[in-house]
């Protein structure tokens, strides 16, 4: 995970008085919060907590037991790995107050999934793009014989949004959730060749 701008400043400020153990726990918990399933992140590098202009870069090994589910001879793999923040965002149909964000942000994910020997990606969900002017979303995927690559991006470019735009914002995030709930179908190479 790479934090830049205000995101990096905020995390460095929050953890400025903590030791390495507490900082490690802080970053690992941050990863757990963005994954909508039980996960086991382990920090593998020493982030630069003292820099002010450089990005805060945290590298992890990650295990997500049960993320993929087997159905017969196929395995289904949800595409929204880091989508927990958007899962229940704006669930309520009505809103009384304007929507306030701490700061504008951009979240980009570039995930490469190496497939086990003898397996290949069958069906990939179609790409999905939404442009709400002050908020955008895109999800694209590609595959080859041994790997699936997912690229997901969300940009939120507002601080305060009047409640009259809440319905459009809610509809936007329902589209994001629908897209993130899609699944990649993995199958044994022998099954794919027989089809």
C-alpha atoms as a PDB file:
ATOM      1  CA  UNK A   1       0.000   0.000   0.000  1.00  0.00           C
ATOM      2  CA  UNK A   2       1.305   3.411  -0.919  1.00  0.00           C
ATOM      3  CA  UNK A   3      -0.063   6.452   0.867  1.00  0.00           C
ATOM      4  CA  UNK A   4       0.651   9.872  -0.620  1.00  0.00           C
ATOM      5  CA  UNK A   5      -0.350  13.452   0.113  1.00  0.00           C
ATOM      6  CA  UNK A   6      -2.740  13.990   3.013  1.00  0.00           C
ATOM      7  CA  UNK A   7      -3.248  10.239   3.416  1.00  0.00           C
ATOM      8  CA  UNK A   8       0.462   9.793   4.208  1.00  0.00           C
ATOM      9  CA  UNK A   9       0.589  12.878   6.431  1.00  0.00           C
ATOM     10  CA  UNK A  10      -2.419  11.738   8.444  1.00  0.00           C
ATOM     11  CA  UNK A  11      -1.038   8.255   9.071  1.00  0.00           C
ATOM     12  CA  UNK A  12       2.396   9.574  10.013  1.00  0.00           C
ATOM     13  CA  UNK A  13       0.826  12.085  12.391  1.00  0.00           C
ATOM     14  CA  UNK A  14      -1.446   9.487  14.025  1.00  0.00           C
ATOM     15  CA  UNK A  15       1.496   7.136  14.621  1.00  0.00           C
ATOM     16  CA  UNK A  16       4.218   9.704  15.428  1.00  0.00           C
ATOM     17  CA  UNK A  17       4.526   8.681  19.112  1.00  0.00           C
ATOM     18  CA  UNK A  18       4.218   4.927  18.585  1.00  0.00           C
ATOM     19  CA  UNK A  19       6.948   2.279  18.458  1.00  0.00           C
ATOM     20  CA  UNK A  20       7.600  -0.123  15.558  1.00  0.00           C
ATOM     21  CA  UNK A  21       5.334  -2.846  16.967  1.00  0.00           C
ATOM     22  CA  UNK A  22       2.361  -0.486  17.244  1.00  0.00           C
ATOM     23  CA  UNK A  23       3.038   0.930  13.765  1.00  0.00           C
ATOM     24  CA  UNK A  24       3.189  -2.576  12.291  1.00  0.00           C
ATOM     25  CA  UNK A  25      -0.126  -3.422  13.933  1.00  0.00           C
ATOM     26  CA  UNK A  26      -1.635  -0.129  12.691  1.00  0.00           C
ATOM     27  CA  UNK A  27      -0.705  -0.878   9.057  1.00  0.00           C
ATOM     28  CA  UNK A  28      -1.775  -4.532   9.206  1.00  0.00           C
ATOM     29  CA  UNK A  29      -5.135  -3.517  10.695  1.00  0.00           C
ATOM     30  CA  UNK A  30      -5.531  -0.943   7.890  1.00  0.00           C
ATOM     31  CA  UNK A  31      -5.231  -3.763   5.345  1.00  0.00           C
ATOM     32  CA  UNK A  32      -7.741  -5.910   7.225  1.00  0.00           C
ATOM     33  CA  UNK A  33     -10.270  -3.045   7.186  1.00  0.00           C
ATOM     34  CA  UNK A  34     -10.265  -2.764   3.378  1.00  0.00           C
ATOM     35  CA  UNK A  35     -10.736  -6.500   2.714  1.00  0.00           C
ATOM     36  CA  UNK A  36     -14.348  -7.707   3.124  1.00  0.00           C
ATOM     37  CA  UNK A  37     -13.253 -11.120   4.447  1.00  0.00           C
ATOM     38  CA  UNK A  38     -10.960 -12.448   7.150  1.00  0.00           C
ATOM     39  CA  UNK A  39      -7.372 -11.845   6.083  1.00  0.00           C
ATOM     40  CA  UNK A  40      -3.840 -12.320   7.381  1.00  0.00           C
ATOM     41  CA  UNK A  41      -1.554  -9.449   6.286  1.00  0.00           C
ATOM     42  CA  UNK A  42       2.083  -9.431   7.402  1.00  0.00           C
ATOM     43  CA  UNK A  43       4.170  -6.290   6.955  1.00  0.00           C
ATOM     44  CA  UNK A  44       7.411  -7.168   5.149  1.00  0.00           C
ATOM     45  CA  UNK A  45       9.254  -3.831   4.945  1.00  0.00           C
ATOM     46  CA  UNK A  46      10.187  -0.893   7.195  1.00  0.00           C
ATOM     47  CA  UNK A  47       8.140   2.119   6.003  1.00  0.00           C
ATOM     48  CA  UNK A  48       9.692   5.590   6.220  1.00  0.00           C
ATOM     49  CA  UNK A  49       7.722   7.146   9.080  1.00  0.00           C
ATOM     50  CA  UNK A  50       9.945  10.247   9.321  1.00  0.00           C
ATOM     51  CA  UNK A  51       9.705  11.558   5.754  1.00  0.00           C
ATOM     52  CA  UNK A  52       7.253  14.332   5.028  1.00  0.00           C
ATOM     53  CA  UNK A  53       7.395  14.593   1.245  1.00  0.00           C
ATOM     54  CA  UNK A  54       7.909  10.939   0.340  1.00  0.00           C
ATOM     55  CA  UNK A  55       5.080   8.410   0.049  1.00  0.00           C
ATOM     56  CA  UNK A  56       4.476   6.053   2.961  1.00  0.00           C
ATOM     57  CA  UNK A  57       5.009   2.626   1.389  1.00  0.00           C
ATOM     58  CA  UNK A  58       3.970  -0.541   3.228  1.00  0.00           C
ATOM     59  CA  UNK A  59       4.555  -3.953   1.646  1.00  0.00           C
ATOM     60  CA  UNK A  60       2.750  -7.065   2.823  1.00  0.00           C
ATOM     61  CA  UNK A  61       2.385 -10.743   2.233  1.00  0.00           C
ATOM     62  CA  UNK A  62      -1.318 -11.458   2.287  1.00  0.00           C
ATOM     63  CA  UNK A  63      -3.398 -14.558   2.906  1.00  0.00           C
ATOM     64  CA  UNK A  64      -7.178 -14.452   2.467  1.00  0.00           C
ATOM     65  CA  UNK A  65      -8.443 -17.930   3.441  1.00  0.00           C
ATOM     66  CA  UNK A  66     -11.715 -18.824   1.765  1.00  0.00           C
ATOM     67  CA  UNK A  67     -11.638 -15.913  -0.692  1.00  0.00           C
ATOM     68  CA  UNK A  68     -12.095 -18.307  -3.598  1.00  0.00           C
ATOM     69  CA  UNK A  69     -14.939 -20.831  -3.518  1.00  0.00           C
ATOM     70  CA  UNK A  70     -15.087 -24.117  -5.382  1.00  0.00           C
ATOM     71  CA  UNK A  71     -18.212 -25.102  -7.283  1.00  0.00           C
ATOM     72  CA  UNK A  72     -17.850 -28.454  -8.978  1.00  0.00           C
ATOM     73  CA  UNK A  73     -14.771 -28.330 -11.218  1.00  0.00           C
ATOM     74  CA  UNK A  74     -14.577 -24.541 -11.164  1.00  0.00           C
ATOM     75  CA  UNK A  75     -13.370 -21.980  -8.681  1.00  0.00           C
ATOM     76  CA  UNK A  76     -15.064 -18.592  -8.305  1.00  0.00           C
ATOM     77  CA  UNK A  77     -12.894 -15.642  -7.320  1.00  0.00           C
ATOM     78  CA  UNK A  78     -14.552 -12.302  -6.396  1.00  0.00           C
ATOM     79  CA  UNK A  79     -12.895  -9.296  -8.040  1.00  0.00           C
ATOM     80  CA  UNK A  80     -13.396  -6.747  -5.232  1.00  0.00           C
ATOM     81  CA  UNK A  81     -10.533  -7.791  -2.945  1.00  0.00           C
ATOM     82  CA  UNK A  82      -9.970  -4.339  -1.388  1.00  0.00           C
ATOM     83  CA  UNK A  83     -13.609  -3.233  -1.512  1.00  0.00           C
ATOM     84  CA  UNK A  84     -14.737  -3.327   2.130  1.00  0.00           C
ATOM     85  CA  UNK A  85     -14.879   0.459   2.390  1.00  0.00           C
ATOM     86  CA  UNK A  86     -17.450   0.689  -0.397  1.00  0.00           C
ATOM     87  CA  UNK A  87     -19.552  -2.368   0.591  1.00  0.00           C
ATOM     88  CA  UNK A  88     -22.059  -0.544   2.789  1.00  0.00           C
ATOM     89  CA  UNK A  89     -21.336   3.038   1.875  1.00  0.00           C
ATOM     90  CA  UNK A  90     -24.542   5.049   1.415  1.00  0.00           C
ATOM     91  CA  UNK A  91     -26.892   2.108   2.046  1.00  0.00           C
ATOM     92  CA  UNK A  92     -29.709   4.354   3.288  1.00  0.00           C
ATOM     93  CA  UNK A  93     -32.104   5.693   0.654  1.00  0.00           C
ATOM     94  CA  UNK A  94     -32.518   9.128   2.260  1.00  0.00           C
ATOM     95  CA  UNK A  95     -30.075  11.657   3.635  1.00  0.00           C
ATOM     96  CA  UNK A  96     -30.698  14.747   5.744  1.00  0.00           C
ATOM     97  CA  UNK A  97     -27.224  16.316   5.791  1.00  0.00           C
ATOM     98  CA  UNK A  98     -24.630  17.021   3.075  1.00  0.00           C
ATOM     99  CA  UNK A  99     -21.934  14.406   2.422  1.00  0.00           C
ATOM    100  CA  UNK A 100     -18.531  15.374   3.834  1.00  0.00           C
ATOM    101  CA  UNK A 101     -15.224  13.701   2.950  1.00  0.00           C
ATOM    102  CA  UNK A 102     -12.068  14.191   5.035  1.00  0.00           C
ATOM    103  CA  UNK A 103     -10.107  14.975   1.862  1.00  0.00           C
ATOM    104  CA  UNK A 104     -10.224  14.134  -1.857  1.00  0.00           C
ATOM    105  CA  UNK A 105      -8.487  10.848  -2.584  1.00  0.00           C
ATOM    106  CA  UNK A 106      -7.639   8.316  -5.239  1.00  0.00           C
ATOM    107  CA  UNK A 107      -7.414   4.597  -4.609  1.00  0.00           C
ATOM    108  CA  UNK A 108      -5.709   2.461  -7.246  1.00  0.00           C
ATOM    109  CA  UNK A 109      -5.301  -1.293  -7.167  1.00  0.00           C
ATOM    110  CA  UNK A 110      -3.130  -3.321  -9.495  1.00  0.00           C
ATOM    111  CA  UNK A 111      -3.497  -6.956  -8.480  1.00  0.00           C
ATOM    112  CA  UNK A 112      -1.683  -9.810 -10.207  1.00  0.00           C
ATOM    113  CA  UNK A 113      -3.040 -13.261  -9.345  1.00  0.00           C
ATOM    114  CA  UNK A 114      -0.723 -16.124 -10.245  1.00  0.00           C
ATOM    115  CA  UNK A 115      -2.756 -19.198 -11.053  1.00  0.00           C
ATOM    116  CA  UNK A 116      -1.762 -22.645  -9.768  1.00  0.00           C
ATOM    117  CA  UNK A 117      -0.257 -25.054 -12.288  1.00  0.00           C
ATOM    118  CA  UNK A 118      -2.964 -26.744 -14.339  1.00  0.00           C
ATOM    119  CA  UNK A 119      -5.497 -23.943 -13.839  1.00  0.00           C
ATOM    120  CA  UNK A 120      -6.555 -21.121 -16.109  1.00  0.00           C
ATOM    121  CA  UNK A 121      -9.014 -18.256 -16.110  1.00  0.00           C
ATOM    122  CA  UNK A 122     -12.198 -19.078 -17.954  1.00  0.00           C
ATOM    123  CA  UNK A 123     -14.637 -16.208 -17.908  1.00  0.00           C
ATOM    124  CA  UNK A 124     -13.705 -12.684 -16.853  1.00  0.00           C
ATOM    125  CA  UNK A 125     -16.383 -10.147 -15.973  1.00  0.00           C
ATOM    126  CA  UNK A 126     -16.725  -7.254 -18.427  1.00  0.00           C
ATOM    127  CA  UNK A 127     -14.881  -4.041 -17.688  1.00  0.00           C
ATOM    128  CA  UNK A 128     -16.866  -1.412 -15.833  1.00  0.00           C
ATOM    129  CA  UNK A 129     -16.382   2.350 -15.897  1.00  0.00           C
ATOM    130  CA  UNK A 130     -18.439   5.075 -14.245  1.00  0.00           C
ATOM    131  CA  UNK A 131     -17.857   8.807 -14.431  1.00  0.00           C
ATOM    132  CA  UNK A 132     -19.796  10.922 -11.946  1.00  0.00           C
ATOM    133  CA  UNK A 133     -17.609  13.986 -12.664  1.00  0.00           C
ATOM    134  CA  UNK A 134     -16.494  14.453  -9.029  1.00  0.00           C
ATOM    135  CA  UNK A 135     -16.188  10.715  -8.528  1.00  0.00           C
ATOM    136  CA  UNK A 136     -15.001   8.024 -10.955  1.00  0.00           C
ATOM    137  CA  UNK A 137     -14.626   4.246 -10.900  1.00  0.00           C
ATOM    138  CA  UNK A 138     -13.059   1.758 -13.265  1.00  0.00           C
ATOM    139  CA  UNK A 139     -12.454  -1.977 -13.193  1.00  0.00           C
ATOM    140  CA  UNK A 140     -10.544  -3.738 -15.949  1.00  0.00           C
ATOM    141  CA  UNK A 141      -9.174  -7.269 -16.139  1.00  0.00           C
ATOM    142  CA  UNK A 142      -6.888  -9.236 -18.376  1.00  0.00           C
ATOM    143  CA  UNK A 143      -5.598 -12.780 -18.418  1.00  0.00           C
ATOM    144  CA  UNK A 144      -2.945 -15.001 -19.891  1.00  0.00           C
ATOM    145  CA  UNK A 145      -2.180 -18.693 -19.345  1.00  0.00           C
ATOM    146  CA  UNK A 146      -0.784 -18.313 -15.823  1.00  0.00           C
ATOM    147  CA  UNK A 147      -2.067 -15.002 -14.479  1.00  0.00           C
ATOM    148  CA  UNK A 148      -5.076 -12.753 -14.039  1.00  0.00           C
ATOM    149  CA  UNK A 149      -4.533  -9.016 -13.604  1.00  0.00           C
ATOM    150  CA  UNK A 150      -7.135  -6.716 -12.046  1.00  0.00           C
ATOM    151  CA  UNK A 151      -6.948  -2.942 -12.203  1.00  0.00           C
ATOM    152  CA  UNK A 152      -9.440  -1.078 -10.038  1.00  0.00           C
ATOM    153  CA  UNK A 153      -9.522   2.659  -9.380  1.00  0.00           C
ATOM    154  CA  UNK A 154     -11.793   5.017  -7.459  1.00  0.00           C
ATOM    155  CA  UNK A 155     -11.302   8.782  -7.429  1.00  0.00           C
ATOM    156  CA  UNK A 156     -13.258  10.983  -5.031  1.00  0.00           C
ATOM    157  CA  UNK A 157     -12.671  14.643  -5.871  1.00  0.00           C
ATOM    158  CA  UNK A 158     -14.916  16.569  -3.488  1.00  0.00           C
ATOM    159  CA  UNK A 159     -15.010  17.609   0.155  1.00  0.00           C
ATOM    160  CA  UNK A 160     -18.652  18.581   0.551  1.00  0.00           C
ATOM    161  CA  UNK A 161     -21.565  17.408  -1.576  1.00  0.00           C
ATOM    162  CA  UNK A 162     -25.026  18.880  -1.151  1.00  0.00           C
ATOM    163  CA  UNK A 163     -27.694  16.381  -0.159  1.00  0.00           C
ATOM    164  CA  UNK A 164     -29.604  17.038  -3.424  1.00  0.00           C
ATOM    165  CA  UNK A 165     -26.886  14.951  -5.144  1.00  0.00           C
ATOM    166  CA  UNK A 166     -27.110  12.114  -2.631  1.00  0.00           C
ATOM    167  CA  UNK A 167     -29.336   9.903  -4.807  1.00  0.00           C
ATOM    168  CA  UNK A 168     -26.837  10.114  -7.687  1.00  0.00           C
ATOM    169  CA  UNK A 169     -23.948   9.390  -5.290  1.00  0.00           C
ATOM    170  CA  UNK A 170     -25.790   6.418  -3.801  1.00  0.00           C
ATOM    171  CA  UNK A 171     -26.586   5.048  -7.271  1.00  0.00           C
ATOM    172  CA  UNK A 172     -22.924   5.448  -8.212  1.00  0.00           C
ATOM    173  CA  UNK A 173     -21.753   3.379  -5.220  1.00  0.00           C
ATOM    174  CA  UNK A 174     -24.413   0.724  -5.849  1.00  0.00           C
ATOM    175  CA  UNK A 175     -22.844   0.349  -9.322  1.00  0.00           C
ATOM    176  CA  UNK A 176     -19.409   0.017  -7.700  1.00  0.00           C
ATOM    177  CA  UNK A 177     -20.698  -2.685  -5.351  1.00  0.00           C
ATOM    178  CA  UNK A 178     -22.343  -4.584  -8.228  1.00  0.00           C
ATOM    179  CA  UNK A 179     -19.102  -4.463 -10.191  1.00  0.00           C
ATOM    180  CA  UNK A 180     -17.009  -5.573  -7.189  1.00  0.00           C
ATOM    181  CA  UNK A 181     -19.337  -8.510  -6.552  1.00  0.00           C
ATOM    182  CA  UNK A 182     -18.605 -10.020  -9.976  1.00  0.00           C
ATOM    183  CA  UNK A 183     -16.522 -13.187 -10.068  1.00  0.00           C
ATOM    184  CA  UNK A 184     -13.705 -14.590 -12.140  1.00  0.00           C
ATOM    185  CA  UNK A 185     -14.230 -18.227 -13.140  1.00  0.00           C
ATOM    186  CA  UNK A 186     -11.128 -20.398 -12.842  1.00  0.00           C
ATOM    187  CA  UNK A 187     -11.076 -23.910 -14.234  1.00  0.00           C
ATOM    188  CA  UNK A 188      -8.639 -26.749 -14.768  1.00  0.00           C
ATOM    189  CA  UNK A 189      -6.842 -26.424 -18.106  1.00  0.00           C
ATOM    190  CA  UNK A 190      -8.035 -29.911 -19.121  1.00  0.00           C
ATOM    191  CA  UNK A 191     -11.696 -28.859 -18.616  1.00  0.00           C
ATOM    192  CA  UNK A 192     -11.181 -25.729 -20.681  1.00  0.00           C
ATOM    193  CA  UNK A 193      -9.589 -27.686 -23.522  1.00  0.00           C
ATOM    194  CA  UNK A 194     -12.528 -30.132 -23.576  1.00  0.00           C
ATOM    195  CA  UNK A 195     -15.111 -27.292 -23.931  1.00  0.00           C
END
